[in-house]
Amino acid sequence: MDVDFSIELGRDDPVLDFPWTDKAGKVAYVDLKRRPELMARVEEAGKYPELGEFLRTVNSARSMVETAKCDAWATMELSAEEEIYDAAHKFASYVDLVFSNIDVRLSLSAHEQLARRLVELLRRTPETPSSAEVCVRRCYFGEEGGVREGFYCTLYVSGYGNDESSARQNWAVGLKLVGNAIVQLSAGTFCFIVITAQGAPPRRPEPPQRGKRW
């Protein structure tokens, strides 16, 4: 899987207001992490079941991040860099991710580390006609006391094929790989590093004793 990441903190780069509402007030942020039953409000999840499955995975208790925004689309407009796939069609999506830990949302190093580790993990996956890009960007978190400046990640996943159907299938494979990688990172050492990004050095939990249940 072709994968890369970038840090986009320039004046003209995209930013996110969290939580968000569109200017017309018709569409707004849905907290799928704490209210998974609200998935029906996310139109894209109903239109593209593969995206809905990804949203459920990334917003599950097993994941250290949660989603803020998403969209998916089919296109026949491919860039020069995408010619390596020898494809006529592309199916793509983006998902904006924020850390569930409020303090870690303010740490640039934690976001950069997440992007790097995700890229490293995905590069070990089997070669597929799909790609992913993680963009670290600036986020403005609205709170009762005002607005705090932090960061978020935009995750782009694309699949390529000779027709829309095959491109969508390869996109779905890419989404699955990325979702599994996020859960895997959340369960590993990286999770302890991130959680303590604003505090003391990480302390690993005691190993479970025989006969005890977690």
N, C-alpha and C. Protein backbone atom coordinates (compact mmCIF):
# COMPACT_ATOMS: atom_id res chain seq x y z
N MET A 1 0.84 -1.19 0.00
CA MET A 1 0.00 0.00 0.00
C MET A 1 0.88 1.24 0.00
N ASP A 2 0.63 2.14 -0.92
CA ASP A 2 1.39 3.38 -1.02
C ASP A 2 0.88 4.34 0.05
N VAL A 3 1.77 4.79 0.94
CA VAL A 3 1.32 5.62 2.07
C VAL A 3 2.37 6.65 2.42
N ASP A 4 1.93 7.82 2.87
CA ASP A 4 2.84 8.89 3.24
C ASP A 4 2.13 9.83 4.22
N PHE A 5 2.88 10.78 4.79
CA PHE A 5 2.26 11.76 5.69
C PHE A 5 2.90 13.12 5.46
N SER A 6 2.20 14.15 5.92
CA SER A 6 2.71 15.52 5.79
C SER A 6 2.26 16.35 6.99
N ILE A 7 3.03 17.40 7.27
CA ILE A 7 2.68 18.36 8.32
C ILE A 7 2.27 19.65 7.62
N GLU A 8 1.01 20.05 7.78
CA GLU A 8 0.47 21.20 7.05
C GLU A 8 -0.03 22.25 8.03
N LEU A 9 0.88 23.16 8.41
CA LEU A 9 0.54 24.18 9.40
C LEU A 9 0.73 25.59 8.86
N GLY A 10 0.76 25.73 7.54
CA GLY A 10 0.93 27.04 6.93
C GLY A 10 -0.32 27.90 7.01
N ARG A 11 -0.16 29.16 6.69
CA ARG A 11 -1.27 30.12 6.78
C ARG A 11 -2.44 29.73 5.89
N ASP A 12 -2.16 29.14 4.74
CA ASP A 12 -3.21 28.80 3.77
C ASP A 12 -3.65 27.34 3.84
N ASP A 13 -3.09 26.58 4.76
CA ASP A 13 -3.46 25.17 4.88
C ASP A 13 -4.82 25.02 5.57
N PRO A 14 -5.52 23.91 5.31
CA PRO A 14 -6.84 23.69 5.95
C PRO A 14 -6.74 23.63 7.46
N VAL A 15 -7.79 24.08 8.14
CA VAL A 15 -7.91 23.99 9.59
C VAL A 15 -9.28 23.43 9.92
N LEU A 16 -9.45 23.01 11.17
CA LEU A 16 -10.73 22.44 11.60
C LEU A 16 -11.21 23.13 12.87
N ASP A 17 -12.47 23.51 12.90
CA ASP A 17 -13.12 23.97 14.13
C ASP A 17 -13.85 22.77 14.71
N PHE A 18 -13.59 22.46 15.97
CA PHE A 18 -14.17 21.27 16.59
C PHE A 18 -14.83 21.62 17.93
N PRO A 19 -16.12 21.29 18.07
CA PRO A 19 -17.03 20.70 17.08
C PRO A 19 -17.43 21.73 16.03
N TRP A 20 -17.89 21.24 14.88
CA TRP A 20 -18.18 22.10 13.75
C TRP A 20 -19.66 22.06 13.38
N THR A 21 -20.09 23.11 12.70
CA THR A 21 -21.43 23.20 12.11
C THR A 21 -21.29 23.95 10.80
N ASP A 22 -21.99 23.49 9.76
CA ASP A 22 -21.89 24.19 8.48
C ASP A 22 -22.60 25.54 8.58
N LYS A 23 -22.27 26.43 7.66
CA LYS A 23 -22.79 27.79 7.72
C LYS A 23 -24.31 27.84 7.67
N ALA A 24 -24.91 26.89 6.96
CA ALA A 24 -26.37 26.87 6.85
C ALA A 24 -27.03 26.24 8.07
N GLY A 25 -26.24 25.61 8.92
CA GLY A 25 -26.78 24.98 10.12
C GLY A 25 -27.52 23.68 9.86
N LYS A 26 -27.37 23.12 8.66
CA LYS A 26 -28.08 21.89 8.32
C LYS A 26 -27.29 20.64 8.68
N VAL A 27 -25.98 20.75 8.71
CA VAL A 27 -25.11 19.61 9.01
C VAL A 27 -24.17 20.00 10.13
N ALA A 28 -23.92 19.07 11.05
CA ALA A 28 -23.06 19.37 12.19
C ALA A 28 -22.31 18.12 12.64
N TYR A 29 -21.34 18.35 13.50
CA TYR A 29 -20.55 17.26 14.07
C TYR A 29 -21.44 16.28 14.83
N VAL A 30 -21.14 14.99 14.66
CA VAL A 30 -21.84 13.93 15.38
C VAL A 30 -20.82 13.16 16.20
N ASP A 31 -21.05 13.05 17.50
CA ASP A 31 -20.12 12.36 18.40
C ASP A 31 -20.37 10.86 18.35
N LEU A 32 -19.73 10.19 17.42
CA LEU A 32 -19.92 8.75 17.24
C LEU A 32 -19.17 7.93 18.28
N LYS A 33 -18.20 8.55 18.93
CA LYS A 33 -17.42 7.83 19.95
C LYS A 33 -18.31 7.52 21.16
N ARG A 34 -19.06 8.51 21.61
CA ARG A 34 -19.89 8.35 22.80
C ARG A 34 -21.35 8.08 22.48
N ARG A 35 -21.75 8.36 21.23
CA ARG A 35 -23.14 8.12 20.82
C ARG A 35 -23.16 7.34 19.50
N PRO A 36 -22.69 6.09 19.51
CA PRO A 36 -22.63 5.33 18.25
C PRO A 36 -23.99 5.13 17.60
N GLU A 37 -25.05 5.25 18.39
CA GLU A 37 -26.40 5.08 17.83
C GLU A 37 -26.77 6.22 16.89
N LEU A 38 -25.95 7.28 16.85
CA LEU A 38 -26.23 8.41 15.97
C LEU A 38 -25.61 8.23 14.58
N MET A 39 -25.07 7.06 14.30
CA MET A 39 -24.46 6.80 12.99
C MET A 39 -25.43 7.10 11.85
N ALA A 40 -26.73 6.89 12.08
CA ALA A 40 -27.73 7.12 11.04
C ALA A 40 -27.75 8.57 10.58
N ARG A 41 -27.24 9.49 11.40
CA ARG A 41 -27.22 10.90 11.02
C ARG A 41 -26.09 11.21 10.04
N VAL A 42 -25.14 10.30 9.91
CA VAL A 42 -24.01 10.52 9.00
C VAL A 42 -24.40 9.97 7.63
N GLU A 43 -24.78 10.84 6.75
CA GLU A 43 -25.29 10.44 5.44
C GLU A 43 -24.30 9.58 4.67
N GLU A 44 -23.02 9.93 4.76
CA GLU A 44 -22.00 9.20 4.01
C GLU A 44 -21.88 7.75 4.48
N ALA A 45 -22.12 7.52 5.77
CA ALA A 45 -22.01 6.16 6.30
C ALA A 45 -23.11 5.27 5.75
N GLY A 46 -24.28 5.84 5.51
CA GLY A 46 -25.37 5.07 4.93
C GLY A 46 -25.17 4.84 3.44
N LYS A 47 -24.63 5.84 2.77
CA LYS A 47 -24.42 5.76 1.32
C LYS A 47 -23.27 4.82 0.98
N TYR A 48 -22.25 4.80 1.83
CA TYR A 48 -21.08 3.95 1.61
C TYR A 48 -20.85 3.08 2.85
N PRO A 49 -21.40 1.87 2.88
CA PRO A 49 -21.28 0.99 4.05
C PRO A 49 -19.84 0.73 4.47
N GLU A 50 -18.91 0.72 3.50
CA GLU A 50 -17.50 0.49 3.83
C GLU A 50 -16.97 1.62 4.72
N LEU A 51 -17.42 2.84 4.43
CA LEU A 51 -17.02 3.98 5.25
C LEU A 51 -17.67 3.89 6.62
N GLY A 52 -18.93 3.44 6.67
CA GLY A 52 -19.61 3.27 7.94
C GLY A 52 -18.89 2.28 8.83
N GLU A 53 -18.40 1.19 8.24
CA GLU A 53 -17.65 0.20 9.01
C GLU A 53 -16.36 0.79 9.56
N PHE A 54 -15.69 1.61 8.73
CA PHE A 54 -14.46 2.27 9.19
C PHE A 54 -14.76 3.21 10.35
N LEU A 55 -15.83 3.97 10.26
CA LEU A 55 -16.21 4.90 11.33
C LEU A 55 -16.50 4.15 12.62
N ARG A 56 -17.15 3.01 12.52
CA ARG A 56 -17.43 2.21 13.73
C ARG A 56 -16.13 1.71 14.36
N THR A 57 -15.19 1.29 13.53
CA THR A 57 -13.91 0.79 14.04
C THR A 57 -13.12 1.89 14.74
N VAL A 58 -13.00 3.04 14.07
CA VAL A 58 -12.15 4.12 14.58
C VAL A 58 -12.78 4.80 15.80
N ASN A 59 -14.11 4.74 15.91
CA ASN A 59 -14.78 5.34 17.07
C ASN A 59 -15.04 4.34 18.19
N SER A 60 -14.58 3.12 18.03
CA SER A 60 -14.82 2.09 19.05
C SER A 60 -13.94 2.34 20.27
N ALA A 61 -14.23 1.61 21.34
CA ALA A 61 -13.46 1.74 22.58
C ALA A 61 -12.02 1.27 22.39
N ARG A 62 -11.76 0.52 21.34
CA ARG A 62 -10.41 0.00 21.09
C ARG A 62 -9.50 1.05 20.46
N SER A 63 -10.07 2.17 20.04
CA SER A 63 -9.31 3.19 19.31
C SER A 63 -9.03 4.41 20.18
N MET A 64 -7.83 4.97 20.04
CA MET A 64 -7.45 6.15 20.83
C MET A 64 -7.84 7.45 20.14
N VAL A 65 -8.44 7.34 18.94
CA VAL A 65 -8.89 8.53 18.22
C VAL A 65 -10.39 8.44 17.95
N GLU A 66 -10.94 9.52 17.43
CA GLU A 66 -12.35 9.56 17.06
C GLU A 66 -12.52 10.45 15.84
N THR A 67 -13.64 10.33 15.17
CA THR A 67 -13.83 11.04 13.91
C THR A 67 -14.57 12.36 14.10
N ALA A 68 -14.26 13.30 13.22
CA ALA A 68 -14.90 14.62 13.26
C ALA A 68 -15.70 14.89 11.99
N LYS A 69 -15.15 14.50 10.85
CA LYS A 69 -15.77 14.76 9.54
C LYS A 69 -15.39 13.65 8.57
N CYS A 70 -16.17 13.49 7.51
CA CYS A 70 -15.81 12.50 6.49
C CYS A 70 -16.55 12.78 5.19
N ASP A 71 -16.05 12.20 4.13
CA ASP A 71 -16.73 12.24 2.83
C ASP A 71 -16.08 11.19 1.94
N ALA A 72 -16.78 10.79 0.89
CA ALA A 72 -16.26 9.82 -0.08
C ALA A 72 -16.79 10.17 -1.46
N TRP A 73 -16.04 9.81 -2.50
CA TRP A 73 -16.45 10.17 -3.85
C TRP A 73 -15.72 9.30 -4.87
N ALA A 74 -16.30 9.22 -6.06
CA ALA A 74 -15.69 8.53 -7.20
C ALA A 74 -15.28 9.58 -8.23
N THR A 75 -14.16 9.33 -8.92
CA THR A 75 -13.67 10.29 -9.91
C THR A 75 -12.84 9.58 -10.97
N MET A 76 -12.74 10.21 -12.11
CA MET A 76 -11.86 9.73 -13.17
C MET A 76 -10.69 10.70 -13.37
N GLU A 77 -10.59 11.68 -12.46
CA GLU A 77 -9.49 12.64 -12.52
C GLU A 77 -8.35 12.16 -11.64
N LEU A 78 -7.29 11.69 -12.25
CA LEU A 78 -6.12 11.19 -11.54
C LEU A 78 -4.93 12.11 -11.79
N SER A 79 -4.11 12.28 -10.77
CA SER A 79 -2.93 13.13 -10.90
C SER A 79 -1.82 12.36 -11.62
N ALA A 80 -0.78 13.09 -11.99
CA ALA A 80 0.36 12.47 -12.65
C ALA A 80 1.01 11.42 -11.76
N GLU A 81 1.03 11.69 -10.45
CA GLU A 81 1.63 10.74 -9.50
C GLU A 81 0.85 9.43 -9.44
N GLU A 82 -0.45 9.50 -9.78
CA GLU A 82 -1.29 8.31 -9.68
C GLU A 82 -1.27 7.45 -10.94
N GLU A 83 -0.51 7.86 -11.93
CA GLU A 83 -0.42 7.08 -13.17
C GLU A 83 0.24 5.72 -12.95
N ILE A 84 0.96 5.57 -11.85
CA ILE A 84 1.64 4.30 -11.56
C ILE A 84 0.64 3.17 -11.36
N TYR A 85 -0.62 3.50 -11.07
CA TYR A 85 -1.63 2.46 -10.85
C TYR A 85 -2.24 1.96 -12.16
N ASP A 86 -1.91 2.64 -13.26
CA ASP A 86 -2.43 2.24 -14.57
C ASP A 86 -3.94 2.01 -14.50
N ALA A 87 -4.64 2.99 -13.91
CA ALA A 87 -6.09 2.88 -13.68
C ALA A 87 -6.82 4.05 -14.32
N ALA A 88 -8.08 3.83 -14.63
CA ALA A 88 -8.90 4.89 -15.20
C ALA A 88 -9.83 5.51 -14.17
N HIS A 89 -10.02 4.79 -13.06
CA HIS A 89 -10.96 5.25 -12.03
C HIS A 89 -10.30 5.28 -10.66
N LYS A 90 -10.80 6.20 -9.85
CA LYS A 90 -10.36 6.30 -8.45
C LYS A 90 -11.59 6.47 -7.56
N PHE A 91 -11.57 5.77 -6.42
CA PHE A 91 -12.60 5.98 -5.40
C PHE A 91 -11.85 6.42 -4.15
N ALA A 92 -12.26 7.54 -3.56
CA ALA A 92 -11.48 8.14 -2.48
C ALA A 92 -12.37 8.62 -1.34
N SER A 93 -11.72 8.85 -0.21
CA SER A 93 -12.42 9.38 0.97
C SER A 93 -11.45 10.16 1.83
N TYR A 94 -12.01 11.00 2.67
CA TYR A 94 -11.21 11.61 3.74
C TYR A 94 -11.97 11.47 5.04
N VAL A 95 -11.23 11.35 6.12
CA VAL A 95 -11.81 11.32 7.47
C VAL A 95 -10.93 12.18 8.36
N ASP A 96 -11.52 13.14 9.05
CA ASP A 96 -10.78 13.95 10.02
C ASP A 96 -10.81 13.25 11.37
N LEU A 97 -9.62 13.11 11.98
CA LEU A 97 -9.47 12.39 13.24
C LEU A 97 -8.92 13.31 14.32
N VAL A 98 -9.43 13.18 15.54
CA VAL A 98 -8.87 13.87 16.70
C VAL A 98 -8.61 12.83 17.79
N PHE A 99 -7.62 13.09 18.62
CA PHE A 99 -7.37 12.20 19.75
C PHE A 99 -8.51 12.31 20.76
N SER A 100 -8.85 11.20 21.38
CA SER A 100 -9.88 11.22 22.41
C SER A 100 -9.37 11.87 23.70
N ASN A 101 -8.07 11.73 23.96
CA ASN A 101 -7.45 12.36 25.12
C ASN A 101 -7.33 13.86 24.85
N ILE A 102 -8.00 14.66 25.66
CA ILE A 102 -8.07 16.10 25.41
C ILE A 102 -6.70 16.76 25.45
N ASP A 103 -5.85 16.37 26.40
CA ASP A 103 -4.52 16.99 26.50
C ASP A 103 -3.65 16.66 25.30
N VAL A 104 -3.74 15.43 24.81
CA VAL A 104 -2.91 15.02 23.68
C VAL A 104 -3.30 15.77 22.41
N ARG A 105 -4.52 16.26 22.34
CA ARG A 105 -4.95 17.05 21.18
C ARG A 105 -4.08 18.29 20.98
N LEU A 106 -3.41 18.73 22.03
CA LEU A 106 -2.60 19.94 21.95
C LEU A 106 -1.15 19.66 21.61
N SER A 107 -0.78 18.39 21.48
CA SER A 107 0.61 18.00 21.28
C SER A 107 0.92 17.74 19.81
N LEU A 108 1.74 18.58 19.19
CA LEU A 108 2.14 18.38 17.81
C LEU A 108 2.98 17.11 17.68
N SER A 109 3.87 16.87 18.64
CA SER A 109 4.73 15.70 18.55
C SER A 109 3.93 14.40 18.58
N ALA A 110 2.84 14.37 19.35
CA ALA A 110 2.00 13.17 19.40
C ALA A 110 1.34 12.91 18.05
N HIS A 111 0.89 13.97 17.38
CA HIS A 111 0.26 13.82 16.07
C HIS A 111 1.28 13.39 15.02
N GLU A 112 2.47 13.99 15.07
CA GLU A 112 3.51 13.61 14.12
C GLU A 112 3.91 12.15 14.33
N GLN A 113 4.01 11.76 15.60
CA GLN A 113 4.37 10.38 15.91
C GLN A 113 3.30 9.41 15.44
N LEU A 114 2.03 9.78 15.60
CA LEU A 114 0.94 8.94 15.11
C LEU A 114 1.05 8.76 13.60
N ALA A 115 1.27 9.86 12.89
CA ALA A 115 1.38 9.80 11.43
C ALA A 115 2.55 8.91 11.01
N ARG A 116 3.69 9.09 11.66
CA ARG A 116 4.87 8.29 11.31
C ARG A 116 4.64 6.80 11.58
N ARG A 117 4.09 6.48 12.73
CA ARG A 117 3.89 5.09 13.10
C ARG A 117 2.84 4.43 12.20
N LEU A 118 1.83 5.19 11.83
CA LEU A 118 0.79 4.66 10.95
C LEU A 118 1.37 4.35 9.58
N VAL A 119 2.21 5.25 9.08
CA VAL A 119 2.87 5.04 7.79
C VAL A 119 3.77 3.80 7.86
N GLU A 120 4.55 3.70 8.92
CA GLU A 120 5.45 2.56 9.07
C GLU A 120 4.69 1.24 9.08
N LEU A 121 3.59 1.21 9.78
CA LEU A 121 2.79 -0.01 9.89
C LEU A 121 2.14 -0.37 8.56
N LEU A 122 1.59 0.61 7.88
CA LEU A 122 0.89 0.35 6.63
C LEU A 122 1.85 -0.05 5.51
N ARG A 123 3.09 0.39 5.59
CA ARG A 123 4.06 0.00 4.57
C ARG A 123 4.43 -1.47 4.65
N ARG A 124 4.07 -2.12 5.74
CA ARG A 124 4.33 -3.56 5.88
C ARG A 124 3.19 -4.41 5.32
N THR A 125 2.10 -3.78 4.94
CA THR A 125 0.94 -4.52 4.46
C THR A 125 1.18 -4.97 3.01
N PRO A 126 0.41 -5.97 2.54
CA PRO A 126 0.56 -6.44 1.16
C PRO A 126 0.33 -5.31 0.16
N GLU A 127 0.99 -5.41 -0.98
CA GLU A 127 0.85 -4.39 -2.02
C GLU A 127 -0.55 -4.46 -2.63
N THR A 128 -1.22 -3.33 -2.65
CA THR A 128 -2.57 -3.25 -3.20
C THR A 128 -2.69 -1.98 -4.04
N PRO A 129 -3.62 -1.92 -4.99
CA PRO A 129 -3.85 -0.70 -5.77
C PRO A 129 -4.64 0.32 -4.96
N SER A 130 -4.08 0.70 -3.84
CA SER A 130 -4.71 1.69 -2.96
C SER A 130 -3.62 2.53 -2.31
N SER A 131 -4.00 3.67 -1.78
CA SER A 131 -3.03 4.57 -1.15
C SER A 131 -3.67 5.26 0.04
N ALA A 132 -2.80 5.79 0.90
CA ALA A 132 -3.27 6.54 2.07
C ALA A 132 -2.30 7.67 2.35
N GLU A 133 -2.83 8.77 2.83
CA GLU A 133 -2.01 9.91 3.23
C GLU A 133 -2.56 10.48 4.53
N VAL A 134 -1.66 10.76 5.47
CA VAL A 134 -2.04 11.34 6.75
C VAL A 134 -1.51 12.77 6.80
N CYS A 135 -2.39 13.75 6.96
CA CYS A 135 -2.00 15.16 7.02
C CYS A 135 -2.26 15.70 8.41
N VAL A 136 -1.22 16.17 9.07
CA VAL A 136 -1.35 16.78 10.39
C VAL A 136 -1.64 18.27 10.19
N ARG A 137 -2.75 18.74 10.77
CA ARG A 137 -3.20 20.11 10.56
C ARG A 137 -3.61 20.77 11.87
N ARG A 138 -3.86 22.06 11.79
CA ARG A 138 -4.22 22.82 12.98
C ARG A 138 -5.73 22.73 13.26
N CYS A 139 -6.06 22.60 14.54
CA CYS A 139 -7.46 22.49 14.95
C CYS A 139 -7.74 23.48 16.09
N TYR A 140 -8.95 24.04 16.08
CA TYR A 140 -9.37 24.95 17.13
C TYR A 140 -10.52 24.30 17.90
N PHE A 141 -10.21 23.91 19.13
CA PHE A 141 -11.15 23.17 19.96
C PHE A 141 -11.98 24.14 20.80
N GLY A 142 -13.27 24.15 20.56
CA GLY A 142 -14.15 25.01 21.32
C GLY A 142 -14.48 24.40 22.68
N GLU A 143 -14.30 25.19 23.74
CA GLU A 143 -14.60 24.74 25.10
C GLU A 143 -15.40 25.81 25.82
N GLU A 144 -15.88 25.48 26.99
CA GLU A 144 -16.69 26.44 27.75
C GLU A 144 -15.92 27.72 28.05
N GLY A 145 -14.62 27.57 28.29
CA GLY A 145 -13.82 28.74 28.63
C GLY A 145 -13.25 29.47 27.44
N GLY A 146 -13.54 29.01 26.23
CA GLY A 146 -12.99 29.66 25.05
C GLY A 146 -12.55 28.64 24.02
N VAL A 147 -11.49 28.98 23.28
CA VAL A 147 -10.97 28.12 22.21
C VAL A 147 -9.51 27.79 22.49
N ARG A 148 -9.18 26.51 22.35
CA ARG A 148 -7.79 26.07 22.52
C ARG A 148 -7.25 25.61 21.17
N GLU A 149 -6.05 26.05 20.85
CA GLU A 149 -5.43 25.67 19.58
C GLU A 149 -4.69 24.35 19.74
N GLY A 150 -4.97 23.40 18.86
CA GLY A 150 -4.31 22.10 18.90
C GLY A 150 -4.15 21.58 17.48
N PHE A 151 -4.31 20.26 17.34
CA PHE A 151 -4.05 19.64 16.05
C PHE A 151 -5.03 18.51 15.77
N TYR A 152 -5.10 18.10 14.52
CA TYR A 152 -5.90 16.95 14.11
C TYR A 152 -5.24 16.32 12.90
N CYS A 153 -5.72 15.17 12.48
CA CYS A 153 -5.19 14.50 11.30
C CYS A 153 -6.31 14.30 10.28
N THR A 154 -6.02 14.62 9.03
CA THR A 154 -6.91 14.26 7.94
C THR A 154 -6.34 13.02 7.27
N LEU A 155 -7.14 11.99 7.17
CA LEU A 155 -6.71 10.73 6.59
C LEU A 155 -7.39 10.55 5.23
N TYR A 156 -6.59 10.51 4.18
CA TYR A 156 -7.09 10.27 2.83
C TYR A 156 -6.80 8.82 2.45
N VAL A 157 -7.80 8.13 1.94
CA VAL A 157 -7.62 6.76 1.44
C VAL A 157 -8.21 6.69 0.04
N SER A 158 -7.46 6.12 -0.90
CA SER A 158 -7.92 6.01 -2.29
C SER A 158 -7.72 4.60 -2.81
N GLY A 159 -8.62 4.17 -3.70
CA GLY A 159 -8.49 2.90 -4.38
C GLY A 159 -8.56 3.12 -5.87
N TYR A 160 -7.87 2.30 -6.64
CA TYR A 160 -7.76 2.51 -8.08
C TYR A 160 -8.18 1.26 -8.84
N GLY A 161 -8.76 1.45 -10.03
CA GLY A 161 -9.19 0.31 -10.83
C GLY A 161 -9.57 0.74 -12.23
N ASN A 162 -9.88 -0.24 -13.07
CA ASN A 162 -10.26 0.04 -14.45
C ASN A 162 -11.71 0.46 -14.59
N ASP A 163 -12.48 0.29 -13.52
CA ASP A 163 -13.86 0.76 -13.49
C ASP A 163 -14.18 1.19 -12.06
N GLU A 164 -15.32 1.83 -11.88
CA GLU A 164 -15.66 2.36 -10.55
C GLU A 164 -15.81 1.25 -9.52
N SER A 165 -16.35 0.12 -9.94
CA SER A 165 -16.56 -0.99 -9.02
C SER A 165 -15.26 -1.52 -8.45
N SER A 166 -14.27 -1.75 -9.31
CA SER A 166 -12.98 -2.28 -8.83
C SER A 166 -12.23 -1.23 -8.01
N ALA A 167 -12.36 0.04 -8.40
CA ALA A 167 -11.72 1.11 -7.62
C ALA A 167 -12.31 1.16 -6.22
N ARG A 168 -13.63 1.01 -6.14
CA ARG A 168 -14.29 1.03 -4.83
C ARG A 168 -13.89 -0.16 -3.98
N GLN A 169 -13.75 -1.32 -4.61
CA GLN A 169 -13.31 -2.50 -3.87
C GLN A 169 -11.91 -2.30 -3.29
N ASN A 170 -11.01 -1.73 -4.09
CA ASN A 170 -9.65 -1.49 -3.62
C ASN A 170 -9.61 -0.39 -2.55
N TRP A 171 -10.50 0.58 -2.67
CA TRP A 171 -10.64 1.60 -1.62
C TRP A 171 -11.08 0.96 -0.31
N ALA A 172 -12.04 0.04 -0.39
CA ALA A 172 -12.54 -0.64 0.80
C ALA A 172 -11.43 -1.44 1.48
N VAL A 173 -10.58 -2.09 0.66
CA VAL A 173 -9.44 -2.83 1.22
C VAL A 173 -8.50 -1.88 1.95
N GLY A 174 -8.22 -0.73 1.33
CA GLY A 174 -7.36 0.26 1.97
C GLY A 174 -7.93 0.77 3.28
N LEU A 175 -9.25 1.05 3.30
CA LEU A 175 -9.90 1.50 4.53
C LEU A 175 -9.76 0.47 5.64
N LYS A 176 -9.95 -0.79 5.27
CA LYS A 176 -9.86 -1.87 6.25
C LYS A 176 -8.46 -1.95 6.84
N LEU A 177 -7.45 -1.86 5.99
CA LEU A 177 -6.07 -1.91 6.44
C LEU A 177 -5.75 -0.75 7.39
N VAL A 178 -6.22 0.45 7.04
CA VAL A 178 -5.95 1.62 7.88
C VAL A 178 -6.68 1.51 9.22
N GLY A 179 -7.94 1.08 9.19
CA GLY A 179 -8.68 0.91 10.44
C GLY A 179 -8.02 -0.08 11.37
N ASN A 180 -7.57 -1.21 10.81
CA ASN A 180 -6.89 -2.22 11.63
C ASN A 180 -5.59 -1.68 12.20
N ALA A 181 -4.87 -0.87 11.40
CA ALA A 181 -3.60 -0.31 11.86
C ALA A 181 -3.82 0.66 13.02
N ILE A 182 -4.87 1.47 12.95
CA ILE A 182 -5.17 2.41 14.04
C ILE A 182 -5.50 1.66 15.33
N VAL A 183 -6.28 0.60 15.22
CA VAL A 183 -6.62 -0.20 16.41
C VAL A 183 -5.36 -0.86 16.96
N GLN A 184 -4.50 -1.35 16.08
CA GLN A 184 -3.27 -2.00 16.52
C GLN A 184 -2.36 -1.03 17.25
N LEU A 185 -2.21 0.19 16.72
CA LEU A 185 -1.39 1.20 17.39
C LEU A 185 -2.01 1.58 18.74
N SER A 186 -3.32 1.64 18.80
CA SER A 186 -4.01 2.01 20.04
C SER A 186 -3.79 1.00 21.14
N ALA A 187 -3.57 -0.26 20.76
CA ALA A 187 -3.39 -1.32 21.74
C ALA A 187 -1.94 -1.52 22.14
N GLY A 188 -1.01 -0.88 21.42
CA GLY A 188 0.40 -1.12 21.65
C GLY A 188 1.09 -0.06 22.48
N THR A 189 2.42 -0.11 22.45
CA THR A 189 3.24 0.81 23.24
C THR A 189 2.97 2.25 22.88
N PHE A 190 2.68 2.53 21.60
CA PHE A 190 2.45 3.89 21.16
C PHE A 190 1.34 4.55 21.97
N CYS A 191 0.32 3.76 22.32
CA CYS A 191 -0.81 4.30 23.09
C CYS A 191 -0.33 4.89 24.41
N PHE A 192 0.60 4.19 25.09
CA PHE A 192 1.11 4.68 26.38
C PHE A 192 1.93 5.95 26.21
N ILE A 193 2.68 6.03 25.09
CA ILE A 193 3.48 7.23 24.82
C ILE A 193 2.58 8.43 24.61
N VAL A 194 1.52 8.24 23.81
CA VAL A 194 0.61 9.33 23.48
C VAL A 194 -0.15 9.80 24.71
N ILE A 195 -0.69 8.87 25.48
CA ILE A 195 -1.50 9.23 26.65
C ILE A 195 -0.70 10.07 27.64
N THR A 196 0.62 9.85 27.70
CA THR A 196 1.44 10.58 28.65
C THR A 196 2.23 11.70 27.98
N ALA A 197 1.82 12.10 26.80
CA ALA A 197 2.56 13.12 26.05
C ALA A 197 2.67 14.43 26.81
N GLN A 198 1.67 14.72 27.66
CA GLN A 198 1.67 15.97 28.40
C GLN A 198 2.02 15.77 29.88
N GLY A 199 2.45 14.54 30.23
CA GLY A 199 2.68 14.27 31.64
C GLY A 199 3.94 13.49 31.90
N ALA A 200 3.87 12.62 32.91
CA ALA A 200 5.03 11.85 33.34
C ALA A 200 5.35 10.75 32.33
N PRO A 201 6.56 10.15 32.45
CA PRO A 201 6.91 9.05 31.56
C PRO A 201 5.89 7.93 31.68
N PRO A 202 5.70 7.16 30.60
CA PRO A 202 4.67 6.13 30.61
C PRO A 202 4.93 5.02 31.61
N ARG A 203 3.88 4.57 32.21
CA ARG A 203 3.98 3.46 33.14
C ARG A 203 3.13 2.33 32.60
N ARG A 204 3.78 1.21 32.35
CA ARG A 204 3.07 0.07 31.79
C ARG A 204 2.20 -0.58 32.87
N PRO A 205 1.05 -1.11 32.48
CA PRO A 205 0.21 -1.79 33.46
C PRO A 205 0.84 -3.09 33.92
N GLU A 206 0.53 -3.48 35.14
CA GLU A 206 1.03 -4.74 35.66
C GLU A 206 0.46 -5.88 34.83
N PRO A 207 1.27 -6.94 34.59
CA PRO A 207 0.73 -8.08 33.83
C PRO A 207 -0.41 -8.73 34.59
N PRO A 208 -1.43 -9.23 33.88
CA PRO A 208 -2.58 -9.84 34.56
C PRO A 208 -2.18 -11.09 35.33
N GLN A 209 -2.70 -11.23 36.54
CA GLN A 209 -2.42 -12.40 37.34
C GLN A 209 -3.35 -13.54 36.96
N ARG A 210 -2.87 -14.76 37.15
CA ARG A 210 -3.66 -15.91 36.80
C ARG A 210 -4.98 -15.90 37.59
N GLY A 211 -6.05 -16.10 36.87
CA GLY A 211 -7.36 -16.14 37.54
C GLY A 211 -8.07 -14.81 37.56
N LYS A 212 -7.34 -13.72 37.17
CA LYS A 212 -7.97 -12.40 37.16
C LYS A 212 -8.53 -12.10 35.77
N ARG A 213 -9.59 -11.32 35.72
CA ARG A 213 -10.18 -10.92 34.46
C ARG A 213 -10.05 -9.42 34.29
N TRP A 214 -9.75 -9.01 33.09
CA TRP A 214 -9.62 -7.57 32.80
C TRP A 214 -10.92 -7.05 32.26
